[in-house]
Amino acid sequence: MGTKKISTMILETLLEEPKTLSDIKRSLVASGMRCENDELEKSILRLGRQGYLKVLDDRVVRYYCITALGQAVSENLKK
């Protein structure tokens, strides 16, 4: 599974409220996506560098830019 697809799914799971990494992984698995822990961590770190996520105390991921998903989708459409 590509990190771009995983990143989009991570952002979608965080639209409602902050979640722990295990919550995110459960959401991905429930949606039928398989991803290894290292793929998940790489995607989260990448999203953090891009300003879409904020990781608090190594476990809680807070989604703090409400338009980030729209921006990510439009960036993908431009490519």
PDB file of N, CA and C in Angstrom:
ATOM      1  N   MET A   1       0.857  -1.182   0.000  1.00  0.00           N
ATOM      2  CA  MET A   1       0.000   0.000   0.000  1.00  0.00           C
ATOM      3  C   MET A   1       0.895   1.234   0.000  1.00  0.00           C
ATOM      4  N   GLY A   2       0.609   2.180  -0.863  1.00  0.00           N
ATOM      5  CA  GLY A   2       1.428   3.379  -0.939  1.00  0.00           C
ATOM      6  C   GLY A   2       1.186   4.335   0.213  1.00  0.00           C
ATOM      7  N   THR A   3       2.237   5.079   0.563  1.00  0.00           N
ATOM      8  CA  THR A   3       2.084   5.999   1.689  1.00  0.00           C
ATOM      9  C   THR A   3       1.129   7.140   1.360  1.00  0.00           C
ATOM     10  N   LYS A   4       0.973   7.480   0.071  1.00  0.00           N
ATOM     11  CA  LYS A   4       0.044   8.553  -0.295  1.00  0.00           C
ATOM     12  C   LYS A   4      -1.392   8.148   0.023  1.00  0.00           C
ATOM     13  N   LYS A   5      -1.754   6.908  -0.310  1.00  0.00           N
ATOM     14  CA  LYS A   5      -3.098   6.391  -0.019  1.00  0.00           C
ATOM     15  C   LYS A   5      -3.307   6.303   1.494  1.00  0.00           C
ATOM     16  N   ILE A   6      -2.306   5.798   2.201  1.00  0.00           N
ATOM     17  CA  ILE A   6      -2.394   5.696   3.661  1.00  0.00           C
ATOM     18  C   ILE A   6      -2.549   7.089   4.266  1.00  0.00           C
ATOM     19  N   SER A   7      -1.801   8.064   3.762  1.00  0.00           N
ATOM     20  CA  SER A   7      -1.885   9.431   4.282  1.00  0.00           C
ATOM     21  C   SER A   7      -3.290   9.989   4.132  1.00  0.00           C
ATOM     22  N   THR A   8      -3.900   9.766   2.976  1.00  0.00           N
ATOM     23  CA  THR A   8      -5.265  10.246   2.756  1.00  0.00           C
ATOM     24  C   THR A   8      -6.223   9.591   3.733  1.00  0.00           C
ATOM     25  N   MET A   9      -6.074   8.289   3.949  1.00  0.00           N
ATOM     26  CA  MET A   9      -6.946   7.580   4.885  1.00  0.00           C
ATOM     27  C   MET A   9      -6.734   8.085   6.317  1.00  0.00           C
ATOM     28  N   ILE A  10      -5.494   8.368   6.680  1.00  0.00           N
ATOM     29  CA  ILE A  10      -5.211   8.888   8.025  1.00  0.00           C
ATOM     30  C   ILE A  10      -5.939  10.213   8.222  1.00  0.00           C
ATOM     31  N   LEU A  11      -5.839  11.105   7.236  1.00  0.00           N
ATOM     32  CA  LEU A  11      -6.506  12.399   7.354  1.00  0.00           C
ATOM     33  C   LEU A  11      -8.013  12.227   7.470  1.00  0.00           C
ATOM     34  N   GLU A  12      -8.562  11.290   6.703  1.00  0.00           N
ATOM     35  CA  GLU A  12     -10.006  11.059   6.770  1.00  0.00           C
ATOM     36  C   GLU A  12     -10.431  10.556   8.146  1.00  0.00           C
ATOM     37  N   THR A  13      -9.625   9.698   8.768  1.00  0.00           N
ATOM     38  CA  THR A  13     -10.001   9.176  10.088  1.00  0.00           C
ATOM     39  C   THR A  13      -9.911  10.245  11.167  1.00  0.00           C
ATOM     40  N   LEU A  14      -9.151  11.308  10.903  1.00  0.00           N
ATOM     41  CA  LEU A  14      -8.953  12.347  11.915  1.00  0.00           C
ATOM     42  C   LEU A  14      -9.873  13.547  11.739  1.00  0.00           C
ATOM     43  N   LEU A  15     -10.827  13.463  10.829  1.00  0.00           N
ATOM     44  CA  LEU A  15     -11.700  14.608  10.593  1.00  0.00           C
ATOM     45  C   LEU A  15     -12.530  14.964  11.820  1.00  0.00           C
ATOM     46  N   GLU A  16     -12.891  13.969  12.621  1.00  0.00           N
ATOM     47  CA  GLU A  16     -13.798  14.222  13.733  1.00  0.00           C
ATOM     48  C   GLU A  16     -13.083  14.660  15.005  1.00  0.00           C
ATOM     49  N   GLU A  17     -12.024  13.972  15.392  1.00  0.00           N
ATOM     50  CA  GLU A  17     -11.368  14.272  16.665  1.00  0.00           C
ATOM     51  C   GLU A  17      -9.967  13.684  16.684  1.00  0.00           C
ATOM     52  N   PRO A  18      -9.132  14.129  17.604  1.00  0.00           N
ATOM     53  CA  PRO A  18      -7.799  13.540  17.736  1.00  0.00           C
ATOM     54  C   PRO A  18      -7.899  12.056  18.095  1.00  0.00           C
ATOM     55  N   LYS A  19      -6.951  11.277  17.634  1.00  0.00           N
ATOM     56  CA  LYS A  19      -6.966   9.844  17.904  1.00  0.00           C
ATOM     57  C   LYS A  19      -5.561   9.377  18.244  1.00  0.00           C
ATOM     58  N   THR A  20      -5.501   8.211  18.883  1.00  0.00           N
ATOM     59  CA  THR A  20      -4.192   7.599  19.126  1.00  0.00           C
ATOM     60  C   THR A  20      -3.771   6.844  17.872  1.00  0.00           C
ATOM     61  N   LEU A  21      -2.503   6.467  17.817  1.00  0.00           N
ATOM     62  CA  LEU A  21      -2.013   5.711  16.670  1.00  0.00           C
ATOM     63  C   LEU A  21      -2.761   4.391  16.520  1.00  0.00           C
ATOM     64  N   SER A  22      -3.087   3.736  17.634  1.00  0.00           N
ATOM     65  CA  SER A  22      -3.807   2.459  17.537  1.00  0.00           C
ATOM     66  C   SER A  22      -5.224   2.674  17.015  1.00  0.00           C
ATOM     67  N   ASP A  23      -5.864   3.800  17.363  1.00  0.00           N
ATOM     68  CA  ASP A  23      -7.184   4.120  16.809  1.00  0.00           C
ATOM     69  C   ASP A  23      -7.105   4.274  15.293  1.00  0.00           C
ATOM     70  N   ILE A  24      -6.065   4.967  14.837  1.00  0.00           N
ATOM     71  CA  ILE A  24      -5.895   5.184  13.401  1.00  0.00           C
ATOM     72  C   ILE A  24      -5.691   3.853  12.696  1.00  0.00           C
ATOM     73  N   LYS A  25      -4.836   3.012  13.270  1.00  0.00           N
ATOM     74  CA  LYS A  25      -4.573   1.715  12.648  1.00  0.00           C
ATOM     75  C   LYS A  25      -5.851   0.884  12.586  1.00  0.00           C
ATOM     76  N   ARG A  26      -6.641   0.885  13.667  1.00  0.00           N
ATOM     77  CA  ARG A  26      -7.918   0.157  13.668  1.00  0.00           C
ATOM     78  C   ARG A  26      -8.846   0.667  12.572  1.00  0.00           C
ATOM     79  N   SER A  27      -8.896   1.987  12.395  1.00  0.00           N
ATOM     80  CA  SER A  27      -9.739   2.574  11.352  1.00  0.00           C
ATOM     81  C   SER A  27      -9.284   2.131   9.966  1.00  0.00           C
ATOM     82  N   LEU A  28      -7.976   2.111   9.751  1.00  0.00           N
ATOM     83  CA  LEU A  28      -7.451   1.685   8.454  1.00  0.00           C
ATOM     84  C   LEU A  28      -7.782   0.222   8.186  1.00  0.00           C
ATOM     85  N   VAL A  29      -7.602  -0.621   9.207  1.00  0.00           N
ATOM     86  CA  VAL A  29      -7.893  -2.051   9.054  1.00  0.00           C
ATOM     87  C   VAL A  29      -9.386  -2.263   8.812  1.00  0.00           C
ATOM     88  N   ALA A  30     -10.228  -1.517   9.531  1.00  0.00           N
ATOM     89  CA  ALA A  30     -11.679  -1.640   9.366  1.00  0.00           C
ATOM     90  C   ALA A  30     -12.118  -1.249   7.959  1.00  0.00           C
ATOM     91  N   SER A  31     -11.385  -0.340   7.337  1.00  0.00           N
ATOM     92  CA  SER A  31     -11.741   0.074   5.982  1.00  0.00           C
ATOM     93  C   SER A  31     -11.146  -0.861   4.931  1.00  0.00           C
ATOM     94  N   GLY A  32     -10.501  -1.934   5.383  1.00  0.00           N
ATOM     95  CA  GLY A  32      -9.970  -2.926   4.455  1.00  0.00           C
ATOM     96  C   GLY A  32      -8.547  -2.665   4.007  1.00  0.00           C
ATOM     97  N   MET A  33      -7.896  -1.687   4.575  1.00  0.00           N
ATOM     98  CA  MET A  33      -6.530  -1.361   4.181  1.00  0.00           C
ATOM     99  C   MET A  33      -5.537  -2.090   5.075  1.00  0.00           C
ATOM    100  N   ARG A  34      -4.547  -2.681   4.452  1.00  0.00           N
ATOM    101  CA  ARG A  34      -3.483  -3.319   5.223  1.00  0.00           C
ATOM    102  C   ARG A  34      -2.268  -2.414   5.182  1.00  0.00           C
ATOM    103  N   CYS A  35      -1.704  -2.154   6.338  1.00  0.00           N
ATOM    104  CA  CYS A  35      -0.466  -1.384   6.368  1.00  0.00           C
ATOM    105  C   CYS A  35       0.349  -1.816   7.569  1.00  0.00           C
ATOM    106  N   GLU A  36       1.637  -1.837   7.363  1.00  0.00           N
ATOM    107  CA  GLU A  36       2.552  -2.193   8.438  1.00  0.00           C
ATOM    108  C   GLU A  36       2.761  -0.974   9.333  1.00  0.00           C
ATOM    109  N   ASN A  37       3.237  -1.213  10.550  1.00  0.00           N
ATOM    110  CA  ASN A  37       3.482  -0.111  11.485  1.00  0.00           C
ATOM    111  C   ASN A  37       4.460   0.912  10.924  1.00  0.00           C
ATOM    112  N   ASP A  38       5.502   0.434  10.226  1.00  0.00           N
ATOM    113  CA  ASP A  38       6.482   1.383   9.705  1.00  0.00           C
ATOM    114  C   ASP A  38       5.882   2.251   8.606  1.00  0.00           C
ATOM    115  N   GLU A  39       4.972   1.687   7.784  1.00  0.00           N
ATOM    116  CA  GLU A  39       4.293   2.488   6.766  1.00  0.00           C
ATOM    117  C   GLU A  39       3.424   3.557   7.417  1.00  0.00           C
ATOM    118  N   LEU A  40       2.716   3.157   8.466  1.00  0.00           N
ATOM    119  CA  LEU A  40       1.843   4.080   9.187  1.00  0.00           C
ATOM    120  C   LEU A  40       2.666   5.212   9.802  1.00  0.00           C
ATOM    121  N   GLU A  41       3.768   4.863  10.446  1.00  0.00           N
ATOM    122  CA  GLU A  41       4.614   5.879  11.075  1.00  0.00           C
ATOM    123  C   GLU A  41       5.227   6.819  10.042  1.00  0.00           C
ATOM    124  N   LYS A  42       5.686   6.263   8.907  1.00  0.00           N
ATOM    125  CA  LYS A  42       6.254   7.107   7.851  1.00  0.00           C
ATOM    126  C   LYS A  42       5.215   8.089   7.334  1.00  0.00           C
ATOM    127  N   SER A  43       3.995   7.602   7.137  1.00  0.00           N
ATOM    128  CA  SER A  43       2.926   8.469   6.635  1.00  0.00           C
ATOM    129  C   SER A  43       2.611   9.575   7.629  1.00  0.00           C
ATOM    130  N   ILE A  44       2.551   9.231   8.912  1.00  0.00           N
ATOM    131  CA  ILE A  44       2.242  10.222   9.942  1.00  0.00           C
ATOM    132  C   ILE A  44       3.357  11.262  10.039  1.00  0.00           C
ATOM    133  N   LEU A  45       4.610  10.814   9.984  1.00  0.00           N
ATOM    134  CA  LEU A  45       5.729  11.759  10.025  1.00  0.00           C
ATOM    135  C   LEU A  45       5.701  12.689   8.818  1.00  0.00           C
ATOM    136  N   ARG A  46       5.390  12.125   7.646  1.00  0.00           N
ATOM    137  CA  ARG A  46       5.319  12.939   6.435  1.00  0.00           C
ATOM    138  C   ARG A  46       4.213  13.991   6.552  1.00  0.00           C
ATOM    139  N   LEU A  47       3.050  13.578   7.040  1.00  0.00           N
ATOM    140  CA  LEU A  47       1.939  14.514   7.214  1.00  0.00           C
ATOM    141  C   LEU A  47       2.292  15.596   8.235  1.00  0.00           C
ATOM    142  N   GLY A  48       3.054  15.221   9.261  1.00  0.00           N
ATOM    143  CA  GLY A  48       3.501  16.205  10.247  1.00  0.00           C
ATOM    144  C   GLY A  48       4.432  17.231   9.632  1.00  0.00           C
ATOM    145  N   ARG A  49       5.361  16.769   8.802  1.00  0.00           N
ATOM    146  CA  ARG A  49       6.292  17.688   8.136  1.00  0.00           C
ATOM    147  C   ARG A  49       5.551  18.630   7.189  1.00  0.00           C
ATOM    148  N   GLN A  50       4.480  18.135   6.585  1.00  0.00           N
ATOM    149  CA  GLN A  50       3.708  18.957   5.649  1.00  0.00           C
ATOM    150  C   GLN A  50       2.748  19.904   6.371  1.00  0.00           C
ATOM    151  N   GLY A  51       2.650  19.778   7.695  1.00  0.00           N
ATOM    152  CA  GLY A  51       1.807  20.679   8.457  1.00  0.00           C
ATOM    153  C   GLY A  51       0.367  20.231   8.619  1.00  0.00           C
ATOM    154  N   TYR A  52       0.057  19.000   8.231  1.00  0.00           N
ATOM    155  CA  TYR A  52      -1.318  18.511   8.330  1.00  0.00           C
ATOM    156  C   TYR A  52      -1.645  17.945   9.707  1.00  0.00           C
ATOM    157  N   LEU A  53      -0.649  17.419  10.385  1.00  0.00           N
ATOM    158  CA  LEU A  53      -0.875  16.769  11.673  1.00  0.00           C
ATOM    159  C   LEU A  53       0.042  17.344  12.733  1.00  0.00           C
ATOM    160  N   LYS A  54      -0.357  17.153  13.963  1.00  0.00           N
ATOM    161  CA  LYS A  54       0.529  17.462  15.082  1.00  0.00           C
ATOM    162  C   LYS A  54       0.520  16.241  15.983  1.00  0.00           C
ATOM    163  N   VAL A  55       1.696  15.693  16.259  1.00  0.00           N
ATOM    164  CA  VAL A  55       1.802  14.519  17.110  1.00  0.00           C
ATOM    165  C   VAL A  55       2.145  14.997  18.512  1.00  0.00           C
ATOM    166  N   LEU A  56       1.299  14.650  19.461  1.00  0.00           N
ATOM    167  CA  LEU A  56       1.495  15.060  20.848  1.00  0.00           C
ATOM    168  C   LEU A  56       1.882  13.850  21.680  1.00  0.00           C
ATOM    169  N   ASP A  57       2.825  13.981  22.527  1.00  0.00           N
ATOM    170  CA  ASP A  57       3.374  12.945  23.415  1.00  0.00           C
ATOM    171  C   ASP A  57       3.471  11.566  22.764  1.00  0.00           C
ATOM    172  N   ASP A  58       3.927  11.536  21.531  1.00  0.00           N
ATOM    173  CA  ASP A  58       4.244  10.307  20.787  1.00  0.00           C
ATOM    174  C   ASP A  58       3.075   9.365  20.553  1.00  0.00           C
ATOM    175  N   ARG A  59       1.900   9.654  21.078  1.00  0.00           N
ATOM    176  CA  ARG A  59       0.806   8.718  20.871  1.00  0.00           C
ATOM    177  C   ARG A  59      -0.438   9.364  20.299  1.00  0.00           C
ATOM    178  N   VAL A  60      -0.657  10.617  20.610  1.00  0.00           N
ATOM    179  CA  VAL A  60      -1.895  11.246  20.177  1.00  0.00           C
ATOM    180  C   VAL A  60      -1.620  12.101  18.950  1.00  0.00           C
ATOM    181  N   VAL A  61      -2.404  11.878  17.924  1.00  0.00           N
ATOM    182  CA  VAL A  61      -2.251  12.638  16.699  1.00  0.00           C
ATOM    183  C   VAL A  61      -3.419  13.611  16.622  1.00  0.00           C
ATOM    184  N   ARG A  62      -3.115  14.870  16.525  1.00  0.00           N
ATOM    185  CA  ARG A  62      -4.181  15.868  16.477  1.00  0.00           C
ATOM    186  C   ARG A  62      -4.251  16.465  15.066  1.00  0.00           C
ATOM    187  N   TYR A  63      -5.433  16.468  14.534  1.00  0.00           N
ATOM    188  CA  TYR A  63      -5.677  17.042  13.218  1.00  0.00           C
ATOM    189  C   TYR A  63      -6.057  18.499  13.446  1.00  0.00           C
ATOM    190  N   TYR A  64      -5.206  19.416  13.040  1.00  0.00           N
ATOM    191  CA  TYR A  64      -5.492  20.797  13.405  1.00  0.00           C
ATOM    192  C   TYR A  64      -5.681  21.723  12.219  1.00  0.00           C
ATOM    193  N   CYS A  65      -5.636  21.211  11.008  1.00  0.00           N
ATOM    194  CA  CYS A  65      -5.892  22.052   9.842  1.00  0.00           C
ATOM    195  C   CYS A  65      -7.092  21.471   9.119  1.00  0.00           C
ATOM    196  N   ILE A  66      -8.264  22.054   9.297  1.00  0.00           N
ATOM    197  CA  ILE A  66      -9.504  21.459   8.810  1.00  0.00           C
ATOM    198  C   ILE A  66      -9.538  21.361   7.287  1.00  0.00           C
ATOM    199  N   THR A  67      -8.777  22.197   6.598  1.00  0.00           N
ATOM    200  CA  THR A  67      -8.793  22.149   5.139  1.00  0.00           C
ATOM    201  C   THR A  67      -7.686  21.270   4.570  1.00  0.00           C
ATOM    202  N   ALA A  68      -6.938  20.604   5.423  1.00  0.00           N
ATOM    203  CA  ALA A  68      -5.784  19.828   4.953  1.00  0.00           C
ATOM    204  C   ALA A  68      -6.185  18.729   3.986  1.00  0.00           C
ATOM    205  N   LEU A  69      -7.283  18.046   4.241  1.00  0.00           N
ATOM    206  CA  LEU A  69      -7.687  16.957   3.355  1.00  0.00           C
ATOM    207  C   LEU A  69      -8.007  17.509   1.975  1.00  0.00           C
ATOM    208  N   GLY A  70      -8.729  18.620   1.922  1.00  0.00           N
ATOM    209  CA  GLY A  70      -9.036  19.250   0.636  1.00  0.00           C
ATOM    210  C   GLY A  70      -7.777  19.675  -0.093  1.00  0.00           C
ATOM    211  N   GLN A  71      -6.809  20.211   0.647  1.00  0.00           N
ATOM    212  CA  GLN A  71      -5.548  20.616   0.040  1.00  0.00           C
ATOM    213  C   GLN A  71      -4.797  19.408  -0.501  1.00  0.00           C
ATOM    214  N   ALA A  72      -4.793  18.325   0.260  1.00  0.00           N
ATOM    215  CA  ALA A  72      -4.085  17.116  -0.170  1.00  0.00           C
ATOM    216  C   ALA A  72      -4.718  16.561  -1.436  1.00  0.00           C
ATOM    217  N   VAL A  73      -6.044  16.556  -1.486  1.00  0.00           N
ATOM    218  CA  VAL A  73      -6.739  16.037  -2.667  1.00  0.00           C
ATOM    219  C   VAL A  73      -6.443  16.910  -3.877  1.00  0.00           C
ATOM    220  N   SER A  74      -6.516  18.236  -3.727  1.00  0.00           N
ATOM    221  CA  SER A  74      -6.269  19.105  -4.877  1.00  0.00           C
ATOM    222  C   SER A  74      -4.812  19.027  -5.329  1.00  0.00           C
ATOM    223  N   GLU A  75      -3.875  18.831  -4.394  1.00  0.00           N
ATOM    224  CA  GLU A  75      -2.474  18.657  -4.781  1.00  0.00           C
ATOM    225  C   GLU A  75      -2.299  17.385  -5.593  1.00  0.00           C
ATOM    226  N   ASN A  76      -3.001  16.321  -5.198  1.00  0.00           N
ATOM    227  CA  ASN A  76      -2.912  15.069  -5.942  1.00  0.00           C
ATOM    228  C   ASN A  76      -3.508  15.215  -7.335  1.00  0.00           C
ATOM    229  N   LEU A  77      -4.555  16.009  -7.469  1.00  0.00           N
ATOM    230  CA  LEU A  77      -5.187  16.209  -8.772  1.00  0.00           C
ATOM    231  C   LEU A  77      -4.277  16.990  -9.713  1.00  0.00           C
ATOM    232  N   LYS A  78      -3.454  17.885  -9.172  1.00  0.00           N
ATOM    233  CA  LYS A  78      -2.546  18.682  -9.994  1.00  0.00           C
ATOM    234  C   LYS A  78      -1.425  17.836 -10.581  1.00  0.00           C
ATOM    235  N   LYS A  79      -1.078  16.744  -9.892  1.00  0.00           N
ATOM    236  CA  LYS A  79       0.071  15.927 -10.317  1.00  0.00           C
ATOM    237  C   LYS A  79      -0.270  15.057 -11.499  1.00  0.00           C
TER     238      LYS A  79
END
